[in-house]
N, C-alpha and C. Protein backbone atom coordinates (compact mmCIF):
# COMPACT_ATOMS: atom_id res chain seq x y z
N UNK A 1 -20.30 27.58 -28.33
CA UNK A 1 -19.79 26.99 -26.73
C UNK A 1 -20.06 28.16 -25.87
N UNK A 2 -20.65 27.73 -24.98
CA UNK A 2 -21.50 28.95 -23.90
C UNK A 2 -20.31 29.25 -22.87
N UNK A 3 -20.28 30.05 -22.72
CA UNK A 3 -19.43 31.20 -21.80
C UNK A 3 -20.04 31.04 -20.15
N UNK A 4 -19.31 30.81 -19.60
CA UNK A 4 -19.01 30.29 -17.86
C UNK A 4 -18.32 31.80 -17.21
N UNK A 5 -19.31 32.35 -16.17
CA UNK A 5 -19.22 33.72 -15.39
C UNK A 5 -18.00 33.04 -14.69
N UNK A 6 -17.03 34.16 -14.18
CA UNK A 6 -16.59 33.50 -13.37
C UNK A 6 -16.79 33.28 -11.98
N UNK A 7 -17.85 33.90 -11.98
CA UNK A 7 -18.12 33.50 -10.71
C UNK A 7 -18.41 32.23 -10.18
N UNK A 8 -19.08 31.53 -11.08
CA UNK A 8 -19.72 29.92 -11.58
C UNK A 8 -18.30 29.39 -11.93
N UNK A 9 -17.38 29.61 -12.05
CA UNK A 9 -16.48 29.12 -12.42
C UNK A 9 -15.50 29.00 -11.11
N UNK A 10 -15.53 29.92 -10.29
CA UNK A 10 -14.88 29.96 -8.86
C UNK A 10 -15.90 28.77 -8.05
N UNK A 11 -17.09 28.04 -8.34
CA UNK A 11 -17.36 27.17 -7.30
C UNK A 11 -17.50 26.09 -8.07
N UNK A 12 -16.63 25.79 -9.22
CA UNK A 12 -16.54 24.22 -9.62
C UNK A 12 -15.19 23.32 -8.60
N UNK A 13 -15.84 22.45 -8.37
CA UNK A 13 -15.18 22.04 -7.31
C UNK A 13 -14.55 20.08 -8.57
N UNK A 14 -12.97 19.60 -8.32
CA UNK A 14 -13.15 18.45 -9.00
C UNK A 14 -12.56 17.41 -8.05
N UNK A 15 -12.38 16.29 -8.20
CA UNK A 15 -11.40 15.43 -7.72
C UNK A 15 -12.50 14.64 -6.54
N UNK A 16 -12.02 14.43 -5.56
CA UNK A 16 -12.98 13.25 -4.63
C UNK A 16 -11.78 13.68 -3.04
N UNK A 17 -12.72 13.70 -1.78
CA UNK A 17 -12.12 14.06 -0.98
C UNK A 17 -12.38 12.86 -0.13
N UNK A 18 -12.17 11.81 -0.15
CA UNK A 18 -12.54 10.04 0.11
C UNK A 18 -11.50 9.62 -0.23
N UNK A 19 -10.69 8.88 0.38
CA UNK A 19 -10.63 7.38 0.27
C UNK A 19 -10.72 6.51 -0.61
N UNK A 20 -9.88 6.53 -1.99
CA UNK A 20 -11.08 5.39 -3.09
C UNK A 20 -10.78 4.04 -2.68
N UNK A 21 -11.26 3.59 -3.10
CA UNK A 21 -11.05 1.46 -2.75
C UNK A 21 -9.34 1.48 -3.56
N UNK A 22 -9.37 2.43 -4.64
CA UNK A 22 -7.99 1.66 -5.40
C UNK A 22 -7.10 1.68 -4.01
N UNK A 23 -6.98 2.91 -3.72
CA UNK A 23 -6.12 3.00 -2.63
C UNK A 23 -5.97 2.13 -1.28
N UNK A 24 -7.41 2.04 -1.09
CA UNK A 24 -7.42 1.03 0.32
C UNK A 24 -6.88 -0.45 0.36
N UNK A 25 -7.11 -1.21 -1.41
CA UNK A 25 -6.49 -1.91 -1.62
C UNK A 25 -5.01 -1.82 -1.64
N UNK A 26 -4.20 -1.09 -2.36
CA UNK A 26 -2.97 -0.70 -2.48
C UNK A 26 -1.98 -0.63 -1.04
N UNK A 27 -3.17 -0.01 -0.02
CA UNK A 27 -2.34 0.17 1.02
C UNK A 27 -2.53 -1.39 1.85
N UNK A 28 -3.50 -2.16 1.86
CA UNK A 28 -3.94 -3.50 2.38
C UNK A 28 -2.98 -4.31 1.57
N UNK A 29 -2.73 -4.51 0.52
CA UNK A 29 -1.13 -5.29 -0.41
C UNK A 29 0.02 -4.81 0.33
N UNK A 30 0.19 -3.97 0.42
CA UNK A 30 1.57 -3.30 1.16
C UNK A 30 1.72 -3.74 2.53
N UNK A 31 0.43 -3.91 3.28
CA UNK A 31 0.59 -4.38 4.79
C UNK A 31 0.87 -5.62 4.59
N UNK A 32 -0.03 -6.52 3.34
CA UNK A 32 0.58 -7.94 3.86
C UNK A 32 1.65 -8.37 3.39
N UNK A 33 2.45 -7.31 2.36
CA UNK A 33 3.58 -7.67 1.82
C UNK A 33 4.76 -7.51 2.97
N UNK A 34 4.54 -6.26 3.15
CA UNK A 34 5.15 -6.47 4.99
C UNK A 34 5.36 -7.47 5.94
N UNK A 35 4.22 -7.85 6.00
CA UNK A 35 4.09 -8.80 7.18
C UNK A 35 4.74 -10.13 6.50
N UNK A 36 4.32 -10.72 5.64
CA UNK A 36 4.99 -11.65 5.11
C UNK A 36 6.46 -11.70 4.89
N UNK A 37 6.93 -10.61 4.69
CA UNK A 37 8.59 -10.34 4.95
C UNK A 37 9.11 -10.37 6.13
N UNK A 38 7.96 -9.97 7.15
CA UNK A 38 8.71 -10.08 8.83
C UNK A 38 8.69 -11.38 9.21
N UNK A 39 7.62 -12.03 8.22
CA UNK A 39 7.58 -13.64 9.18
C UNK A 39 8.79 -14.53 8.65
N UNK A 40 8.86 -14.25 6.89
CA UNK A 40 10.36 -14.83 6.55
C UNK A 40 11.57 -14.22 7.42
N UNK A 41 11.87 -12.98 7.44
CA UNK A 41 12.68 -12.81 7.99
C UNK A 41 12.97 -13.59 9.73
N UNK A 42 12.08 -13.39 10.41
CA UNK A 42 12.01 -13.52 11.28
C UNK A 42 12.21 -15.34 11.85
N UNK A 43 11.82 -16.08 10.66
CA UNK A 43 12.12 -17.33 10.30
C UNK A 43 13.77 -17.36 10.37
N UNK A 44 14.10 -16.85 8.83
CA UNK A 44 15.33 -16.87 8.64
C UNK A 44 16.44 -17.08 10.39
N UNK A 45 15.79 -15.96 10.78
CA UNK A 45 17.03 -15.38 11.99
C UNK A 45 16.76 -16.16 13.00
N UNK A 46 15.78 -16.86 13.20
CA UNK A 46 15.17 -18.39 14.60
C UNK A 46 16.06 -19.31 13.92
N UNK A 47 15.92 -19.64 12.62
CA UNK A 47 16.93 -21.25 12.00
C UNK A 47 18.13 -20.49 12.38
N UNK A 48 18.90 -19.36 11.71
CA UNK A 48 20.41 -19.10 12.02
C UNK A 48 20.88 -19.25 13.52
N UNK A 49 19.71 -18.67 14.15
CA UNK A 49 20.11 -18.87 16.00
C UNK A 49 20.02 -20.28 16.23
N UNK A 50 19.18 -20.72 16.03
CA UNK A 50 19.44 -22.48 16.46
C UNK A 50 20.39 -23.34 15.67
N UNK A 51 20.23 -22.96 14.77
CA UNK A 51 21.98 -23.73 13.62
C UNK A 51 20.82 -25.15 13.45
N UNK A 52 19.72 -24.29 12.49
CA UNK A 52 18.87 -25.62 12.15
C UNK A 52 18.73 -25.75 10.39
N UNK A 53 19.98 -24.82 9.96
CA UNK A 53 19.51 -24.49 8.56
C UNK A 53 19.74 -25.82 7.78
N UNK A 54 19.44 -25.75 5.99
CA UNK A 54 19.01 -27.04 5.76
C UNK A 54 20.77 -26.90 5.16
N UNK A 55 21.39 -27.89 4.88
CA UNK A 55 22.79 -27.73 4.07
C UNK A 55 22.36 -27.57 2.99
N UNK A 56 23.40 -26.95 2.24
CA UNK A 56 23.25 -27.03 0.65
C UNK A 56 23.49 -27.63 0.05
N UNK A 57 24.13 -28.62 0.05
CA UNK A 57 24.75 -29.76 -1.03
C UNK A 57 23.86 -30.82 -1.45
């Protein structure tokens, strides 16, 4: 195995400094989930407030 000088090792960088598409996709899915949950919660609150709930019979 070839020996690498310590000065060269100090200049090796790994990883990425940018946001990957996987992270963007996960954030987008989370925003969609929160938006849908908000619509459902708001709709339920409106229906309760207007007393327009379906009977459970």
